[in-house]
Amino acid sequence: MGHSLKTQTLLKIRNPEHATWHTFPMSEILFKMCRMVGANFYKMNFSETNWFIKYSWTKEQEEEFRIWMTEFLKRKDVRGHFRLNSRTTKKERSKVAHDFTWNHGWKTYSG
C-alpha cells in the first residue's frame, strides 16, 4: 500500500529528543502513540526500518488512538502537514488516521 500521508517525515526524525513535539505535529502523534503503550518516545529510533513493530497494542488502544488522531487533525496548525483543509470532513480525517495506523501503528494483538 502506498503512503497517502507525508510519512517520509517519520524516517527523517533522527533525534526525537531534539524534536519539539508541541509544535511539530508528527512528533506529537508519535509521542501519543508511545505514551499509550509505555514506550519511551525519547529513546525510540524512528529512523530504524520497522520501528513500529517493537511494541504492540490492543484493538481497543488502536481505536482510541484513531479517535484521538481524528480529532487532533482538526487543529489548524496540523492540517497542512497532512494536506487537509478547514473543509475536510470527520470521515476524511478518520481515513487519514486509519491509514496512519495501518502503515505505522504498533502491532495489534487481541487481548
PDB file of N, CA and C in Angstrom:
ATOM      1  N   MET A   1       0.838  -1.167   0.000  1.00  0.00           N
ATOM      2  CA  MET A   1       0.000   0.000   0.000  1.00  0.00           C
ATOM      3  C   MET A   1       0.890   1.240   0.000  1.00  0.00           C
ATOM      4  N   GLY A   2       0.594   2.198  -0.851  1.00  0.00           N
ATOM      5  CA  GLY A   2       1.378   3.430  -0.915  1.00  0.00           C
ATOM      6  C   GLY A   2       1.043   4.342   0.245  1.00  0.00           C
ATOM      7  N   HIS A   3       1.933   5.237   0.554  1.00  0.00           N
ATOM      8  CA  HIS A   3       1.727   6.158   1.664  1.00  0.00           C
ATOM      9  C   HIS A   3       0.957   7.368   1.175  1.00  0.00           C
ATOM     10  N   SER A   4      -0.235   7.566   1.711  1.00  0.00           N
ATOM     11  CA  SER A   4      -1.043   8.709   1.332  1.00  0.00           C
ATOM     12  C   SER A   4      -0.731   9.924   2.199  1.00  0.00           C
ATOM     13  N   LEU A   5       0.132   9.773   3.179  1.00  0.00           N
ATOM     14  CA  LEU A   5       0.487  10.853   4.090  1.00  0.00           C
ATOM     15  C   LEU A   5       1.908  11.324   3.822  1.00  0.00           C
ATOM     16  N   LYS A   6       2.311  12.371   4.510  1.00  0.00           N
ATOM     17  CA  LYS A   6       3.703  12.795   4.452  1.00  0.00           C
ATOM     18  C   LYS A   6       4.498  11.994   5.468  1.00  0.00           C
ATOM     19  N   THR A   7       4.474  10.684   5.328  1.00  0.00           N
ATOM     20  CA  THR A   7       5.114   9.826   6.318  1.00  0.00           C
ATOM     21  C   THR A   7       6.623   9.777   6.167  1.00  0.00           C
ATOM     22  N   GLN A   8       7.142  10.324   5.074  1.00  0.00           N
ATOM     23  CA  GLN A   8       8.591  10.382   4.935  1.00  0.00           C
ATOM     24  C   GLN A   8       9.196  11.136   6.116  1.00  0.00           C
ATOM     25  N   THR A   9       8.441  12.053   6.675  1.00  0.00           N
ATOM     26  CA  THR A   9       8.902  12.834   7.821  1.00  0.00           C
ATOM     27  C   THR A   9       9.289  11.930   8.973  1.00  0.00           C
ATOM     28  N   LEU A  10       8.539  10.840   9.158  1.00  0.00           N
ATOM     29  CA  LEU A  10       8.827   9.915  10.251  1.00  0.00           C
ATOM     30  C   LEU A  10      10.259   9.415  10.202  1.00  0.00           C
ATOM     31  N   LEU A  11      10.690   9.066   9.017  1.00  0.00           N
ATOM     32  CA  LEU A  11      12.009   8.478   8.877  1.00  0.00           C
ATOM     33  C   LEU A  11      13.121   9.507   8.963  1.00  0.00           C
ATOM     34  N   LYS A  12      12.757  10.782   8.874  1.00  0.00           N
ATOM     35  CA  LYS A  12      13.763  11.835   8.953  1.00  0.00           C
ATOM     36  C   LYS A  12      14.025  12.281  10.387  1.00  0.00           C
ATOM     37  N   ILE A  13      13.207  11.820  11.333  1.00  0.00           N
ATOM     38  CA  ILE A  13      13.405  12.208  12.726  1.00  0.00           C
ATOM     39  C   ILE A  13      14.556  11.378  13.281  1.00  0.00           C
ATOM     40  N   ARG A  14      15.726  11.945  13.311  1.00  0.00           N
ATOM     41  CA  ARG A  14      16.914  11.227  13.755  1.00  0.00           C
ATOM     42  C   ARG A  14      17.072  11.270  15.268  1.00  0.00           C
ATOM     43  N   ASN A  15      16.835  12.426  15.846  1.00  0.00           N
ATOM     44  CA  ASN A  15      16.994  12.600  17.286  1.00  0.00           C
ATOM     45  C   ASN A  15      15.692  13.116  17.873  1.00  0.00           C
ATOM     46  N   PRO A  16      14.768  12.207  18.201  1.00  0.00           N
ATOM     47  CA  PRO A  16      13.478  12.674  18.701  1.00  0.00           C
ATOM     48  C   PRO A  16      13.568  13.512  19.962  1.00  0.00           C
ATOM     49  N   GLU A  17      14.637  13.352  20.752  1.00  0.00           N
ATOM     50  CA  GLU A  17      14.741  14.174  21.957  1.00  0.00           C
ATOM     51  C   GLU A  17      14.931  15.643  21.627  1.00  0.00           C
ATOM     52  N   HIS A  18      15.355  15.949  20.410  1.00  0.00           N
ATOM     53  CA  HIS A  18      15.510  17.338  19.982  1.00  0.00           C
ATOM     54  C   HIS A  18      14.260  17.856  19.291  1.00  0.00           C
ATOM     55  N   ALA A  19      13.307  16.972  19.036  1.00  0.00           N
ATOM     56  CA  ALA A  19      12.066  17.393  18.379  1.00  0.00           C
ATOM     57  C   ALA A  19      11.208  18.150  19.379  1.00  0.00           C
ATOM     58  N   THR A  20      10.586  19.209  18.934  1.00  0.00           N
ATOM     59  CA  THR A  20       9.668  19.942  19.792  1.00  0.00           C
ATOM     60  C   THR A  20       8.272  19.432  19.493  1.00  0.00           C
ATOM     61  N   TRP A  21       7.878  18.399  20.211  1.00  0.00           N
ATOM     62  CA  TRP A  21       6.640  17.704  19.902  1.00  0.00           C
ATOM     63  C   TRP A  21       5.416  18.587  20.023  1.00  0.00           C
ATOM     64  N   HIS A  22       5.496  19.638  20.812  1.00  0.00           N
ATOM     65  CA  HIS A  22       4.330  20.505  20.978  1.00  0.00           C
ATOM     66  C   HIS A  22       4.119  21.419  19.774  1.00  0.00           C
ATOM     67  N   THR A  23       5.103  21.548  18.891  1.00  0.00           N
ATOM     68  CA  THR A  23       4.922  22.371  17.699  1.00  0.00           C
ATOM     69  C   THR A  23       5.088  21.562  16.417  1.00  0.00           C
ATOM     70  N   PHE A  24       5.557  20.369  16.537  1.00  0.00           N
ATOM     71  CA  PHE A  24       5.810  19.553  15.353  1.00  0.00           C
ATOM     72  C   PHE A  24       4.772  18.432  15.332  1.00  0.00           C
ATOM     73  N   PRO A  25       3.737  18.533  14.502  1.00  0.00           N
ATOM     74  CA  PRO A  25       2.618  17.595  14.578  1.00  0.00           C
ATOM     75  C   PRO A  25       2.992  16.110  14.527  1.00  0.00           C
ATOM     76  N   MET A  26       3.899  15.723  13.688  1.00  0.00           N
ATOM     77  CA  MET A  26       4.223  14.300  13.595  1.00  0.00           C
ATOM     78  C   MET A  26       4.839  13.809  14.896  1.00  0.00           C
ATOM     79  N   SER A  27       5.677  14.613  15.501  1.00  0.00           N
ATOM     80  CA  SER A  27       6.278  14.224  16.771  1.00  0.00           C
ATOM     81  C   SER A  27       5.229  14.112  17.867  1.00  0.00           C
ATOM     82  N   GLU A  28       4.237  14.978  17.837  1.00  0.00           N
ATOM     83  CA  GLU A  28       3.173  14.902  18.838  1.00  0.00           C
ATOM     84  C   GLU A  28       2.365  13.610  18.662  1.00  0.00           C
ATOM     85  N   ILE A  29       2.133  13.217  17.424  1.00  0.00           N
ATOM     86  CA  ILE A  29       1.434  11.965  17.139  1.00  0.00           C
ATOM     87  C   ILE A  29       2.252  10.780  17.640  1.00  0.00           C
ATOM     88  N   LEU A  30       3.525  10.783  17.348  1.00  0.00           N
ATOM     89  CA  LEU A  30       4.400   9.696  17.797  1.00  0.00           C
ATOM     90  C   LEU A  30       4.502   9.660  19.320  1.00  0.00           C
ATOM     91  N   PHE A  31       4.550  10.827  19.943  1.00  0.00           N
ATOM     92  CA  PHE A  31       4.606  10.910  21.395  1.00  0.00           C
ATOM     93  C   PHE A  31       3.369  10.250  22.006  1.00  0.00           C
ATOM     94  N   LYS A  32       2.194  10.545  21.449  1.00  0.00           N
ATOM     95  CA  LYS A  32       0.947   9.960  21.927  1.00  0.00           C
ATOM     96  C   LYS A  32       0.965   8.440  21.746  1.00  0.00           C
ATOM     97  N   MET A  33       1.417   7.986  20.587  1.00  0.00           N
ATOM     98  CA  MET A  33       1.500   6.542  20.345  1.00  0.00           C
ATOM     99  C   MET A  33       2.374   5.865  21.397  1.00  0.00           C
ATOM    100  N   CYS A  34       3.546   6.435  21.639  1.00  0.00           N
ATOM    101  CA  CYS A  34       4.474   5.859  22.620  1.00  0.00           C
ATOM    102  C   CYS A  34       3.859   5.835  24.008  1.00  0.00           C
ATOM    103  N   ARG A  35       3.246   6.935  24.375  1.00  0.00           N
ATOM    104  CA  ARG A  35       2.651   7.038  25.702  1.00  0.00           C
ATOM    105  C   ARG A  35       1.581   5.978  25.928  1.00  0.00           C
ATOM    106  N   MET A  36       0.827   5.665  24.893  1.00  0.00           N
ATOM    107  CA  MET A  36      -0.265   4.699  25.027  1.00  0.00           C
ATOM    108  C   MET A  36       0.225   3.287  25.320  1.00  0.00           C
ATOM    109  N   VAL A  37       1.454   2.958  24.919  1.00  0.00           N
ATOM    110  CA  VAL A  37       1.961   1.599  25.132  1.00  0.00           C
ATOM    111  C   VAL A  37       3.129   1.547  26.115  1.00  0.00           C
ATOM    112  N   GLY A  38       3.449   2.674  26.726  1.00  0.00           N
ATOM    113  CA  GLY A  38       4.528   2.703  27.706  1.00  0.00           C
ATOM    114  C   GLY A  38       5.918   2.763  27.094  1.00  0.00           C
ATOM    115  N   ALA A  39       6.011   3.114  25.815  1.00  0.00           N
ATOM    116  CA  ALA A  39       7.317   3.253  25.159  1.00  0.00           C
ATOM    117  C   ALA A  39       7.896   4.626  25.475  1.00  0.00           C
ATOM    118  N   ASN A  40       9.202   4.713  25.575  1.00  0.00           N
ATOM    119  CA  ASN A  40       9.865   5.982  25.837  1.00  0.00           C
ATOM    120  C   ASN A  40      10.123   6.681  24.506  1.00  0.00           C
ATOM    121  N   PHE A  41       9.339   7.703  24.222  1.00  0.00           N
ATOM    122  CA  PHE A  41       9.450   8.475  22.976  1.00  0.00           C
ATOM    123  C   PHE A  41      10.876   8.957  22.750  1.00  0.00           C
ATOM    124  N   TYR A  42      11.530   9.390  23.812  1.00  0.00           N
ATOM    125  CA  TYR A  42      12.850   9.984  23.683  1.00  0.00           C
ATOM    126  C   TYR A  42      13.946   8.967  23.391  1.00  0.00           C
ATOM    127  N   LYS A  43      13.659   7.689  23.615  1.00  0.00           N
ATOM    128  CA  LYS A  43      14.652   6.653  23.322  1.00  0.00           C
ATOM    129  C   LYS A  43      14.342   5.875  22.045  1.00  0.00           C
ATOM    130  N   MET A  44      13.200   6.146  21.438  1.00  0.00           N
ATOM    131  CA  MET A  44      12.832   5.455  20.198  1.00  0.00           C
ATOM    132  C   MET A  44      13.687   5.974  19.046  1.00  0.00           C
ATOM    133  N   ASN A  45      14.080   5.078  18.174  1.00  0.00           N
ATOM    134  CA  ASN A  45      14.834   5.460  16.977  1.00  0.00           C
ATOM    135  C   ASN A  45      13.896   5.339  15.784  1.00  0.00           C
ATOM    136  N   PHE A  46      13.236   6.437  15.429  1.00  0.00           N
ATOM    137  CA  PHE A  46      12.250   6.433  14.364  1.00  0.00           C
ATOM    138  C   PHE A  46      12.885   6.350  12.977  1.00  0.00           C
ATOM    139  N   SER A  47      14.198   6.413  12.911  1.00  0.00           N
ATOM    140  CA  SER A  47      14.852   6.260  11.602  1.00  0.00           C
ATOM    141  C   SER A  47      15.092   4.785  11.275  1.00  0.00           C
ATOM    142  N   GLU A  48      14.901   3.903  12.254  1.00  0.00           N
ATOM    143  CA  GLU A  48      15.038   2.465  12.007  1.00  0.00           C
ATOM    144  C   GLU A  48      13.894   1.972  11.132  1.00  0.00           C
ATOM    145  N   THR A  49      14.206   1.036  10.255  1.00  0.00           N
ATOM    146  CA  THR A  49      13.155   0.395   9.484  1.00  0.00           C
ATOM    147  C   THR A  49      12.302  -0.426  10.441  1.00  0.00           C
ATOM    148  N   ASN A  50      11.009  -0.363  10.277  1.00  0.00           N
ATOM    149  CA  ASN A  50      10.066  -1.134  11.096  1.00  0.00           C
ATOM    150  C   ASN A  50      10.139  -0.823  12.585  1.00  0.00           C
ATOM    151  N   TRP A  51      10.406   0.428  12.929  1.00  0.00           N
ATOM    152  CA  TRP A  51      10.446   0.838  14.329  1.00  0.00           C
ATOM    153  C   TRP A  51       9.118   0.539  15.016  1.00  0.00           C
ATOM    154  N   PHE A  52       8.043   0.511  14.262  1.00  0.00           N
ATOM    155  CA  PHE A  52       6.701   0.372  14.815  1.00  0.00           C
ATOM    156  C   PHE A  52       6.329  -1.066  15.194  1.00  0.00           C
ATOM    157  N   ILE A  53       7.214  -2.042  14.960  1.00  0.00           N
ATOM    158  CA  ILE A  53       6.910  -3.412  15.374  1.00  0.00           C
ATOM    159  C   ILE A  53       7.536  -3.767  16.725  1.00  0.00           C
ATOM    160  N   LYS A  54       8.190  -2.812  17.351  1.00  0.00           N
ATOM    161  CA  LYS A  54       8.841  -3.062  18.643  1.00  0.00           C
ATOM    162  C   LYS A  54       7.840  -3.148  19.797  1.00  0.00           C
ATOM    163  N   TYR A  55       6.676  -2.568  19.625  1.00  0.00           N
ATOM    164  CA  TYR A  55       5.647  -2.563  20.658  1.00  0.00           C
ATOM    165  C   TYR A  55       4.338  -3.030  20.055  1.00  0.00           C
ATOM    166  N   SER A  56       3.397  -3.324  20.922  1.00  0.00           N
ATOM    167  CA  SER A  56       2.080  -3.732  20.427  1.00  0.00           C
ATOM    168  C   SER A  56       0.995  -3.097  21.288  1.00  0.00           C
ATOM    169  N   TRP A  57      -0.192  -3.022  20.733  1.00  0.00           N
ATOM    170  CA  TRP A  57      -1.330  -2.505  21.455  1.00  0.00           C
ATOM    171  C   TRP A  57      -2.560  -3.330  21.131  1.00  0.00           C
ATOM    172  N   THR A  58      -3.583  -3.179  21.950  1.00  0.00           N
ATOM    173  CA  THR A  58      -4.824  -3.910  21.719  1.00  0.00           C
ATOM    174  C   THR A  58      -5.636  -3.195  20.648  1.00  0.00           C
ATOM    175  N   LYS A  59      -6.634  -3.880  20.134  1.00  0.00           N
ATOM    176  CA  LYS A  59      -7.529  -3.253  19.154  1.00  0.00           C
ATOM    177  C   LYS A  59      -8.224  -2.038  19.777  1.00  0.00           C
ATOM    178  N   GLU A  60      -8.519  -2.128  21.057  1.00  0.00           N
ATOM    179  CA  GLU A  60      -9.170  -1.019  21.755  1.00  0.00           C
ATOM    180  C   GLU A  60      -8.236   0.195  21.843  1.00  0.00           C
ATOM    181  N   GLN A  61      -6.960  -0.050  22.154  1.00  0.00           N
ATOM    182  CA  GLN A  61      -5.992   1.054  22.200  1.00  0.00           C
ATOM    183  C   GLN A  61      -5.819   1.679  20.812  1.00  0.00           C
ATOM    184  N   GLU A  62      -5.763   0.827  19.797  1.00  0.00           N
ATOM    185  CA  GLU A  62      -5.623   1.334  18.437  1.00  0.00           C
ATOM    186  C   GLU A  62      -6.818   2.215  18.072  1.00  0.00           C
ATOM    187  N   GLU A  63      -8.010   1.770  18.410  1.00  0.00           N
ATOM    188  CA  GLU A  63      -9.212   2.554  18.113  1.00  0.00           C
ATOM    189  C   GLU A  63      -9.219   3.863  18.896  1.00  0.00           C
ATOM    190  N   GLU A  64      -8.808   3.802  20.162  1.00  0.00           N
ATOM    191  CA  GLU A  64      -8.709   5.022  20.975  1.00  0.00           C
ATOM    192  C   GLU A  64      -7.736   6.011  20.334  1.00  0.00           C
ATOM    193  N   PHE A  65      -6.614   5.504  19.822  1.00  0.00           N
ATOM    194  CA  PHE A  65      -5.634   6.362  19.161  1.00  0.00           C
ATOM    195  C   PHE A  65      -6.224   6.970  17.889  1.00  0.00           C
ATOM    196  N   ARG A  66      -6.927   6.170  17.104  1.00  0.00           N
ATOM    197  CA  ARG A  66      -7.534   6.685  15.863  1.00  0.00           C
ATOM    198  C   ARG A  66      -8.530   7.799  16.156  1.00  0.00           C
ATOM    199  N   ILE A  67      -9.324   7.611  17.202  1.00  0.00           N
ATOM    200  CA  ILE A  67     -10.287   8.649  17.587  1.00  0.00           C
ATOM    201  C   ILE A  67      -9.542   9.912  17.996  1.00  0.00           C
ATOM    202  N   TRP A  68      -8.491   9.751  18.798  1.00  0.00           N
ATOM    203  CA  TRP A  68      -7.682  10.907  19.213  1.00  0.00           C
ATOM    204  C   TRP A  68      -7.082  11.605  17.995  1.00  0.00           C
ATOM    205  N   MET A  69      -6.484  10.824  17.082  1.00  0.00           N
ATOM    206  CA  MET A  69      -5.828  11.418  15.914  1.00  0.00           C
ATOM    207  C   MET A  69      -6.835  12.108  14.997  1.00  0.00           C
ATOM    208  N   THR A  70      -8.021  11.536  14.865  1.00  0.00           N
ATOM    209  CA  THR A  70      -9.061  12.162  14.044  1.00  0.00           C
ATOM    210  C   THR A  70      -9.378  13.555  14.576  1.00  0.00           C
ATOM    211  N   GLU A  71      -9.483  13.687  15.886  1.00  0.00           N
ATOM    212  CA  GLU A  71      -9.740  14.998  16.497  1.00  0.00           C
ATOM    213  C   GLU A  71      -8.519  15.907  16.384  1.00  0.00           C
ATOM    214  N   PHE A  72      -7.347  15.337  16.593  1.00  0.00           N
ATOM    215  CA  PHE A  72      -6.095  16.092  16.513  1.00  0.00           C
ATOM    216  C   PHE A  72      -5.943  16.732  15.128  1.00  0.00           C
ATOM    217  N   LEU A  73      -6.366  16.040  14.097  1.00  0.00           N
ATOM    218  CA  LEU A  73      -6.229  16.544  12.722  1.00  0.00           C
ATOM    219  C   LEU A  73      -7.145  17.722  12.421  1.00  0.00           C
ATOM    220  N   LYS A  74      -8.045  18.060  13.334  1.00  0.00           N
ATOM    221  CA  LYS A  74      -8.890  19.245  13.158  1.00  0.00           C
ATOM    222  C   LYS A  74      -8.115  20.531  13.402  1.00  0.00           C
ATOM    223  N   ARG A  75      -7.030  20.427  14.154  1.00  0.00           N
ATOM    224  CA  ARG A  75      -6.276  21.628  14.517  1.00  0.00           C
ATOM    225  C   ARG A  75      -5.718  22.322  13.281  1.00  0.00           C
ATOM    226  N   LYS A  76      -5.863  23.621  13.257  1.00  0.00           N
ATOM    227  CA  LYS A  76      -5.419  24.424  12.118  1.00  0.00           C
ATOM    228  C   LYS A  76      -3.920  24.264  11.857  1.00  0.00           C
ATOM    229  N   ASP A  77      -3.114  24.195  12.920  1.00  0.00           N
ATOM    230  CA  ASP A  77      -1.663  24.098  12.756  1.00  0.00           C
ATOM    231  C   ASP A  77      -1.214  22.712  12.324  1.00  0.00           C
ATOM    232  N   VAL A  78      -2.121  21.747  12.287  1.00  0.00           N
ATOM    233  CA  VAL A  78      -1.782  20.371  11.928  1.00  0.00           C
ATOM    234  C   VAL A  78      -2.226  20.029  10.507  1.00  0.00           C
ATOM    235  N   ARG A  79      -3.347  20.573  10.100  1.00  0.00           N
ATOM    236  CA  ARG A  79      -3.982  20.175   8.835  1.00  0.00           C
ATOM    237  C   ARG A  79      -3.053  20.218   7.633  1.00  0.00           C
ATOM    238  N   GLY A  80      -2.273  21.257   7.505  1.00  0.00           N
ATOM    239  CA  GLY A  80      -1.403  21.420   6.340  1.00  0.00           C
ATOM    240  C   GLY A  80      -0.371  20.316   6.194  1.00  0.00           C
ATOM    241  N   HIS A  81       0.061  19.750   7.303  1.00  0.00           N
ATOM    242  CA  HIS A  81       1.055  18.679   7.267  1.00  0.00           C
ATOM    243  C   HIS A  81       0.489  17.399   6.660  1.00  0.00           C
ATOM    244  N   PHE A  82      -0.825  17.311   6.631  1.00  0.00           N
ATOM    245  CA  PHE A  82      -1.482  16.121   6.089  1.00  0.00           C
ATOM    246  C   PHE A  82      -2.322  16.445   4.860  1.00  0.00           C
ATOM    247  N   ARG A  83      -2.079  17.619   4.303  1.00  0.00           N
ATOM    248  CA  ARG A  83      -2.810  18.077   3.111  1.00  0.00           C
ATOM    249  C   ARG A  83      -4.322  18.079   3.344  1.00  0.00           C
ATOM    250  N   LEU A  84      -4.695  18.546   4.514  1.00  0.00           N
ATOM    251  CA  LEU A  84      -6.101  18.697   4.861  1.00  0.00           C
ATOM    252  C   LEU A  84      -6.407  20.186   4.908  1.00  0.00           C
ATOM    253  N   ASN A  85      -7.679  20.540   4.883  1.00  0.00           N
ATOM    254  CA  ASN A  85      -8.055  21.945   4.997  1.00  0.00           C
ATOM    255  C   ASN A  85      -9.257  22.074   5.917  1.00  0.00           C
ATOM    256  N   SER A  86      -9.761  23.277   6.071  1.00  0.00           N
ATOM    257  CA  SER A  86     -10.849  23.522   7.013  1.00  0.00           C
ATOM    258  C   SER A  86     -12.151  22.842   6.594  1.00  0.00           C
ATOM    259  N   ARG A  87     -12.263  22.454   5.343  1.00  0.00           N
ATOM    260  CA  ARG A  87     -13.487  21.781   4.874  1.00  0.00           C
ATOM    261  C   ARG A  87     -13.371  20.257   4.915  1.00  0.00           C
ATOM    262  N   THR A  88     -12.245  19.739   5.381  1.00  0.00           N
ATOM    263  CA  THR A  88     -12.060  18.290   5.474  1.00  0.00           C
ATOM    264  C   THR A  88     -13.053  17.729   6.479  1.00  0.00           C
ATOM    265  N   THR A  89     -13.770  16.706   6.083  1.00  0.00           N
ATOM    266  CA  THR A  89     -14.789  16.121   6.946  1.00  0.00           C
ATOM    267  C   THR A  89     -14.171  15.189   7.989  1.00  0.00           C
ATOM    268  N   LYS A  90     -14.958  14.872   8.999  1.00  0.00           N
ATOM    269  CA  LYS A  90     -14.514  13.934  10.027  1.00  0.00           C
ATOM    270  C   LYS A  90     -14.213  12.576   9.399  1.00  0.00           C
ATOM    271  N   LYS A  91     -15.007  12.170   8.424  1.00  0.00           N
ATOM    272  CA  LYS A  91     -14.789  10.896   7.740  1.00  0.00           C
ATOM    273  C   LYS A  91     -13.434  10.886   7.034  1.00  0.00           C
ATOM    274  N   GLU A  92     -13.064  11.996   6.405  1.00  0.00           N
ATOM    275  CA  GLU A  92     -11.767  12.090   5.720  1.00  0.00           C
ATOM    276  C   GLU A  92     -10.616  12.080   6.728  1.00  0.00           C
ATOM    277  N   ARG A  93     -10.776  12.798   7.844  1.00  0.00           N
ATOM    278  CA  ARG A  93      -9.743  12.790   8.886  1.00  0.00           C
ATOM    279  C   ARG A  93      -9.597  11.395   9.488  1.00  0.00           C
ATOM    280  N   SER A  94     -10.718  10.710   9.649  1.00  0.00           N
ATOM    281  CA  SER A  94     -10.700   9.354  10.176  1.00  0.00           C
ATOM    282  C   SER A  94      -9.956   8.412   9.228  1.00  0.00           C
ATOM    283  N   LYS A  95     -10.113   8.626   7.934  1.00  0.00           N
ATOM    284  CA  LYS A  95      -9.411   7.808   6.933  1.00  0.00           C
ATOM    285  C   LYS A  95      -7.904   8.032   7.038  1.00  0.00           C
ATOM    286  N   VAL A  96      -7.481   9.270   7.238  1.00  0.00           N
ATOM    287  CA  VAL A  96      -6.057   9.576   7.408  1.00  0.00           C
ATOM    288  C   VAL A  96      -5.521   8.869   8.655  1.00  0.00           C
ATOM    289  N   ALA A  97      -6.273   8.934   9.744  1.00  0.00           N
ATOM    290  CA  ALA A  97      -5.861   8.263  10.987  1.00  0.00           C
ATOM    291  C   ALA A  97      -5.795   6.754  10.779  1.00  0.00           C
ATOM    292  N   HIS A  98      -6.760   6.203  10.061  1.00  0.00           N
ATOM    293  CA  HIS A  98      -6.761   4.766   9.777  1.00  0.00           C
ATOM    294  C   HIS A  98      -5.539   4.392   8.941  1.00  0.00           C
ATOM    295  N   ASP A  99      -5.274   5.158   7.884  1.00  0.00           N
ATOM    296  CA  ASP A  99      -4.111   4.885   7.026  1.00  0.00           C
ATOM    297  C   ASP A  99      -2.815   4.969   7.823  1.00  0.00           C
ATOM    298  N   PHE A 100      -2.742   5.950   8.720  1.00  0.00           N
ATOM    299  CA  PHE A 100      -1.537   6.104   9.524  1.00  0.00           C
ATOM    300  C   PHE A 100      -1.314   4.877  10.404  1.00  0.00           C
ATOM    301  N   THR A 101      -2.363   4.431  11.094  1.00  0.00           N
ATOM    302  CA  THR A 101      -2.189   3.274  11.974  1.00  0.00           C
ATOM    303  C   THR A 101      -1.965   2.001  11.170  1.00  0.00           C
ATOM    304  N   TRP A 102      -2.518   1.932   9.993  1.00  0.00           N
ATOM    305  CA  TRP A 102      -2.287   0.759   9.131  1.00  0.00           C
ATOM    306  C   TRP A 102      -0.812   0.687   8.727  1.00  0.00           C
ATOM    307  N   ASN A 103      -0.247   1.817   8.358  1.00  0.00           N
ATOM    308  CA  ASN A 103       1.132   1.859   7.878  1.00  0.00           C
ATOM    309  C   ASN A 103       2.169   1.977   8.992  1.00  0.00           C
ATOM    310  N   HIS A 104       1.825   2.649  10.099  1.00  0.00           N
ATOM    311  CA  HIS A 104       2.833   2.970  11.110  1.00  0.00           C
ATOM    312  C   HIS A 104       2.379   2.713  12.542  1.00  0.00           C
ATOM    313  N   GLY A 105       1.259   2.042  12.713  1.00  0.00           N
ATOM    314  CA  GLY A 105       0.795   1.742  14.071  1.00  0.00           C
ATOM    315  C   GLY A 105       1.561   0.564  14.653  1.00  0.00           C
ATOM    316  N   TRP A 106       1.489   0.440  15.972  1.00  0.00           N
ATOM    317  CA  TRP A 106       2.101  -0.695  16.636  1.00  0.00           C
ATOM    318  C   TRP A 106       1.429  -1.983  16.176  1.00  0.00           C
ATOM    319  N   LYS A 107       2.089  -3.112  16.431  1.00  0.00           N
ATOM    320  CA  LYS A 107       1.462  -4.401  16.153  1.00  0.00           C
ATOM    321  C   LYS A 107       0.199  -4.484  17.018  1.00  0.00           C
ATOM    322  N   THR A 108      -0.812  -5.121  16.485  1.00  0.00           N
ATOM    323  CA  THR A 108      -2.064  -5.256  17.216  1.00  0.00           C
ATOM    324  C   THR A 108      -2.252  -6.683  17.669  1.00  0.00           C
ATOM    325  N   TYR A 109      -2.645  -6.850  18.910  1.00  0.00           N
ATOM    326  CA  TYR A 109      -2.956  -8.180  19.419  1.00  0.00           C
ATOM    327  C   TYR A 109      -4.351  -8.134  20.037  1.00  0.00           C
ATOM    328  N   SER A 110      -5.023  -9.251  20.055  1.00  0.00           N
ATOM    329  CA  SER A 110      -6.340  -9.283  20.711  1.00  0.00           C
ATOM    330  C   SER A 110      -6.131  -9.631  22.173  1.00  0.00           C
ATOM    331  N   GLY A 111      -6.627  -8.806  23.016  1.00  0.00           N
ATOM    332  CA  GLY A 111      -6.403  -9.029  24.440  1.00  0.00           C
ATOM    333  C   GLY A 111      -7.343  -8.271  25.299  1.00  0.00           C
TER     334      GLY A 111
END
